[in-house]
Structures are given as structure tokens and as C-alpha cells.
Amino acid sequence: NSAGTVEAVGRLSVQTLPSFVITPRDMSVGRGRTAIFQCVVTSNPPPTVFWSKGKEQLLMFPHQDHGRFLVSE
């Protein structure tokens, strides 16, 4: 693009594979009710939790090993 380009090389050392402590569940709720999705993951280096709907990924909890997402509409 007109702003130029940037390249970088890095190294990632995974010491512990990610493991779900609490896995989000599929959920159906009635109109006017609230759905609460929870997720807890352990790994080293620490994971980043994101939620997705369709093809869109929503980064909600940078550098966190857990997350809670409420849907009320």
C-alpha cells in the first residue's frame, strides 16, 4: 500500500499447549433472556481469548486466560 510495508521475524516457544479448563457450550435461550458463555484456558505463554460469530473474530480479552461473554439481545 502507499504507507509501505513492514516485515519481521520472530520466535515463539510454546512450553505448555493450550488446555481448556472451562469450555464454552452451545446455548439456546428464549427471547428476552440472557446467554452467558464462559471460557478458561491455560497455557504457557498465556493465551488470548477471543469470541467469534460466523467469520468475524472479536478480540475481547487481550492477554487473559479466561473470558465471559453475555448476550442479551
Protein backbone atom coordinates (compact mmCIF):
# COMPACT_ATOMS: atom_id res chain seq x y z
CA ASN A 1 0.00 0.00 0.00
CA SER A 2 1.05 3.66 -0.14
CA ALA A 3 2.20 3.64 3.51
CA GLY A 4 4.83 0.98 2.76
CA THR A 5 5.40 -2.46 4.19
CA VAL A 6 6.84 -3.94 7.36
CA GLU A 7 8.32 -7.39 7.82
CA ALA A 8 9.50 -9.08 10.98
CA VAL A 9 10.85 -12.42 12.07
CA GLY A 10 10.14 -13.82 15.50
CA ARG A 11 10.38 -16.96 17.54
CA LEU A 12 7.60 -18.44 19.65
CA SER A 13 8.47 -21.04 22.24
CA VAL A 14 5.39 -22.96 23.37
CA GLN A 15 6.16 -24.52 26.72
CA THR A 16 2.66 -25.76 27.56
CA LEU A 17 -0.02 -26.50 24.97
CA PRO A 18 -3.34 -24.70 25.49
CA SER A 19 -5.84 -26.64 27.57
CA PHE A 20 -9.48 -25.73 28.24
CA VAL A 21 -10.37 -25.66 31.94
CA ILE A 22 -13.89 -24.42 31.13
CA THR A 23 -15.07 -24.98 27.55
CA PRO A 24 -17.79 -22.71 26.12
CA ARG A 25 -21.05 -24.57 25.47
CA ASP A 26 -23.60 -24.20 22.69
CA MET A 27 -26.63 -22.45 24.10
CA SER A 28 -30.19 -21.55 23.13
CA VAL A 29 -32.23 -19.09 25.16
CA GLY A 30 -35.66 -17.58 24.75
CA ARG A 31 -36.31 -14.03 23.63
CA GLY A 32 -35.59 -11.51 26.39
CA ARG A 33 -33.30 -13.95 28.23
CA THR A 34 -29.53 -13.67 28.67
CA ALA A 35 -26.98 -16.22 27.46
CA ILE A 36 -23.65 -16.33 29.31
CA PHE A 37 -20.69 -18.02 27.63
CA GLN A 38 -17.60 -18.75 29.73
CA CYS A 39 -14.11 -19.90 28.80
CA VAL A 40 -10.96 -20.61 30.83
CA VAL A 41 -7.73 -21.73 29.14
CA THR A 42 -4.26 -22.49 30.50
CA SER A 43 -1.01 -22.47 28.53
CA ASN A 44 2.49 -21.05 28.54
CA PRO A 45 2.89 -18.47 27.10
CA PRO A 46 -0.52 -17.19 28.25
CA PRO A 47 -3.28 -17.42 25.62
CA THR A 48 -5.54 -14.69 24.27
CA VAL A 49 -9.26 -15.43 24.40
CA PHE A 50 -11.47 -14.24 21.54
CA TRP A 51 -15.05 -14.92 20.58
CA SER A 52 -16.30 -15.46 17.04
CA LYS A 53 -19.63 -15.33 15.29
CA GLY A 54 -19.57 -16.59 11.74
CA LYS A 55 -16.35 -15.37 10.13
CA GLU A 56 -15.89 -12.41 12.47
CA GLN A 57 -13.46 -12.71 15.39
CA LEU A 58 -13.99 -10.31 18.26
CA LEU A 59 -10.91 -9.84 20.46
CA MET A 60 -12.36 -9.16 23.88
CA PHE A 61 -9.81 -10.16 26.48
CA PRO A 62 -6.23 -9.50 25.31
CA HIS A 63 -3.63 -11.40 27.35
CA GLN A 64 -6.25 -13.12 29.50
CA ASP A 65 -6.64 -16.86 30.08
CA HIS A 66 -10.38 -16.59 30.65
CA GLY A 67 -13.39 -14.77 29.32
CA ARG A 68 -17.10 -14.28 29.88
CA PHE A 69 -19.41 -13.06 27.14
CA LEU A 70 -23.03 -12.03 27.78
CA VAL A 71 -25.63 -11.82 25.02
CA SER A 72 -28.93 -10.22 25.96
CA GLU A 73 -30.41 -9.19 22.60
